[in-house]
Structure formats: structure tokens, C-alpha cells
N, C-alpha and C. Protein backbone atom coordinates (compact mmCIF):
# COMPACT_ATOMS: atom_id res chain seq x y z
N UNK A 1 -6.72 -19.68 16.88
CA UNK A 1 -7.37 -17.78 17.01
C UNK A 1 -6.65 -16.57 17.45
N UNK A 2 -6.83 -15.77 16.67
CA UNK A 2 -5.79 -14.51 17.06
C UNK A 2 -6.96 -13.80 18.29
N UNK A 3 -5.62 -13.48 19.31
CA UNK A 3 -6.17 -12.65 20.09
C UNK A 3 -6.25 -11.07 19.95
N UNK A 4 -5.40 -10.75 19.14
CA UNK A 4 -5.59 -9.45 18.96
C UNK A 4 -4.61 -9.06 17.44
N UNK A 5 -5.12 -7.95 17.19
CA UNK A 5 -4.71 -7.43 15.48
C UNK A 5 -3.17 -7.64 15.43
N UNK A 6 -2.55 -7.44 16.65
CA UNK A 6 -0.85 -7.47 16.41
C UNK A 6 -0.66 -8.87 16.56
N UNK A 7 -1.27 -10.05 16.40
CA UNK A 7 -0.68 -11.02 16.60
C UNK A 7 -1.14 -12.32 15.23
N UNK A 8 -2.29 -11.36 14.10
CA UNK A 8 -2.34 -11.80 12.43
C UNK A 8 -0.82 -11.54 12.20
N UNK A 9 -1.12 -12.79 11.08
CA UNK A 9 0.47 -12.68 10.41
C UNK A 9 0.15 -11.41 9.54
N UNK A 10 -0.83 -11.67 8.88
CA UNK A 10 -0.82 -10.54 7.64
C UNK A 10 -0.94 -8.77 8.39
N UNK A 11 -0.80 -8.50 9.53
CA UNK A 11 -0.66 -7.40 9.91
C UNK A 11 0.94 -7.54 10.24
N UNK A 12 1.74 -8.26 10.37
CA UNK A 12 3.07 -8.47 10.95
C UNK A 12 3.55 -8.03 9.64
N UNK A 13 3.30 -8.97 8.38
CA UNK A 13 3.39 -8.82 7.21
C UNK A 13 3.63 -7.15 6.63
N UNK A 14 2.67 -6.30 6.83
CA UNK A 14 2.12 -4.81 6.48
C UNK A 14 2.91 -4.70 7.22
N UNK A 15 3.23 -4.71 8.61
CA UNK A 15 4.07 -3.66 9.30
C UNK A 15 5.82 -3.62 9.06
N UNK A 16 6.19 -4.89 8.02
CA UNK A 16 7.12 -4.99 7.65
C UNK A 16 7.57 -4.66 6.49
N UNK A 17 6.15 -4.29 5.68
CA UNK A 17 6.42 -3.58 3.83
C UNK A 17 6.55 -2.09 4.31
N UNK A 18 5.28 -1.67 5.25
CA UNK A 18 5.35 -0.22 5.71
C UNK A 18 7.02 0.32 6.46
N UNK A 19 7.99 -0.58 6.95
CA UNK A 19 9.17 -0.12 7.20
C UNK A 19 10.39 0.24 5.51
N UNK A 20 9.52 -1.14 4.91
CA UNK A 20 10.82 -1.19 3.61
C UNK A 20 10.20 0.49 3.06
N UNK A 21 9.01 0.55 2.29
CA UNK A 21 8.71 1.66 2.45
C UNK A 21 8.96 3.13 2.87
N UNK A 22 9.37 3.03 4.16
CA UNK A 22 9.67 4.40 4.96
C UNK A 22 11.30 4.16 4.17
N UNK A 23 12.28 2.99 4.56
CA UNK A 23 13.51 2.88 3.68
C UNK A 23 13.87 3.72 2.51
N UNK A 24 12.61 3.05 1.84
CA UNK A 24 12.62 3.00 0.28
C UNK A 24 12.36 5.23 0.32
N UNK A 25 11.38 5.47 0.58
CA UNK A 25 11.36 7.00 0.22
C UNK A 25 12.39 7.64 0.84
N UNK A 26 13.20 7.34 1.74
CA UNK A 26 14.44 8.41 2.23
C UNK A 26 15.35 8.49 0.85
N UNK A 27 15.08 7.33 -0.29
CA UNK A 27 16.11 7.17 -1.15
C UNK A 27 15.55 8.59 -2.27
N UNK A 28 14.22 9.10 -2.16
CA UNK A 28 13.53 9.68 -3.42
C UNK A 28 14.49 11.25 -3.40
N UNK A 29 14.14 12.13 -3.94
CA UNK A 29 14.87 13.26 -5.01
C UNK A 29 13.67 14.44 -3.33
N UNK A 30 14.57 15.26 -3.05
CA UNK A 30 13.88 16.26 -1.97
C UNK A 30 13.06 16.79 -2.50
N UNK A 31 12.77 16.82 -4.17
CA UNK A 31 11.71 18.11 -4.33
C UNK A 31 10.35 16.68 -4.19
N UNK A 32 10.42 15.70 -3.97
CA UNK A 32 9.59 14.60 -3.79
C UNK A 32 9.12 14.91 -2.30
N UNK A 33 9.83 15.22 -1.30
CA UNK A 33 9.47 15.11 0.28
C UNK A 33 7.83 15.31 0.41
N UNK A 34 7.16 16.73 -0.43
CA UNK A 34 5.81 17.18 0.30
C UNK A 34 4.84 16.63 -0.82
N UNK A 35 5.60 15.48 -1.33
CA UNK A 35 4.06 14.97 -2.85
C UNK A 35 4.27 13.35 -2.79
N UNK A 36 4.85 12.73 -3.34
CA UNK A 36 4.54 10.98 -3.45
C UNK A 36 5.47 10.81 -2.28
N UNK A 37 6.40 10.88 -1.84
CA UNK A 37 6.98 10.69 -0.43
C UNK A 37 5.91 10.36 0.88
N UNK A 38 5.10 11.67 0.83
CA UNK A 38 4.08 11.45 2.12
C UNK A 38 2.78 10.65 2.04
N UNK A 39 2.59 10.66 0.58
CA UNK A 39 1.51 9.84 0.14
C UNK A 39 1.81 8.51 0.55
N UNK A 40 2.94 8.24 -0.07
CA UNK A 40 3.32 6.66 -0.02
C UNK A 40 3.33 6.57 1.22
N UNK A 41 4.05 7.30 2.20
CA UNK A 41 4.04 6.90 3.90
C UNK A 41 2.61 6.95 4.27
N UNK A 42 2.08 7.67 4.25
CA UNK A 42 0.55 7.68 4.71
C UNK A 42 -0.34 6.55 4.09
N UNK A 43 -0.13 6.07 3.17
CA UNK A 43 -1.38 4.47 2.21
C UNK A 43 -0.19 3.91 2.86
N UNK A 44 0.66 3.64 3.32
CA UNK A 44 1.60 2.14 4.12
C UNK A 44 1.31 2.08 5.61
N UNK A 45 1.04 3.54 6.19
CA UNK A 45 0.60 3.48 7.56
C UNK A 45 -1.35 3.09 7.30
N UNK A 46 -1.63 2.98 6.64
CA UNK A 46 -3.22 3.14 6.17
C UNK A 46 -3.67 1.67 5.86
N UNK A 47 -2.49 0.71 5.98
CA UNK A 47 -2.99 -0.55 5.72
C UNK A 47 -3.31 -1.22 7.15
N UNK A 48 -1.90 -1.22 7.78
CA UNK A 48 -2.32 -1.71 8.97
C UNK A 48 -3.33 -0.87 9.90
N UNK A 49 -3.53 0.03 9.89
CA UNK A 49 -4.18 0.99 10.26
C UNK A 49 -5.54 0.55 9.87
N UNK A 50 -6.42 0.11 8.99
CA UNK A 50 -6.86 -0.73 8.25
C UNK A 50 -7.42 -2.13 9.18
N UNK A 51 -6.24 -3.02 9.07
CA UNK A 51 -6.54 -3.94 9.34
C UNK A 51 -6.75 -3.83 10.84
N UNK A 52 -6.28 -2.88 11.99
CA UNK A 52 -6.26 -3.45 13.06
C UNK A 52 -7.89 -2.38 13.44
């Protein structure tokens, strides 16, 4: 049984996914900085926040 959300495997996996998204969006063109990049970053943060 998990004692907190940080010990859940799904939360750990989503955290790694979030890190990968962060690395990937750095490669996007500068004109996407406030459009697609921002949206992807917020969505990836929302995954772990919703689990917590």
C-alpha cells in the first residue's frame, strides 16, 4: 500500500514523462515558445498534479 502519492509507480512514471517533455520542448522553434511549448508544459505538470 502506498503511503503517499510520491511512492506510487504511476506518479514516478509521469514525473519521468514530464522531464522528457521538458527536454523535447527546448528543441522547438522560438516562435512556439508561448504557444505549443507552454501548453505542453502545463499539460505535463497537470498529470502529476492530478495524481497527487
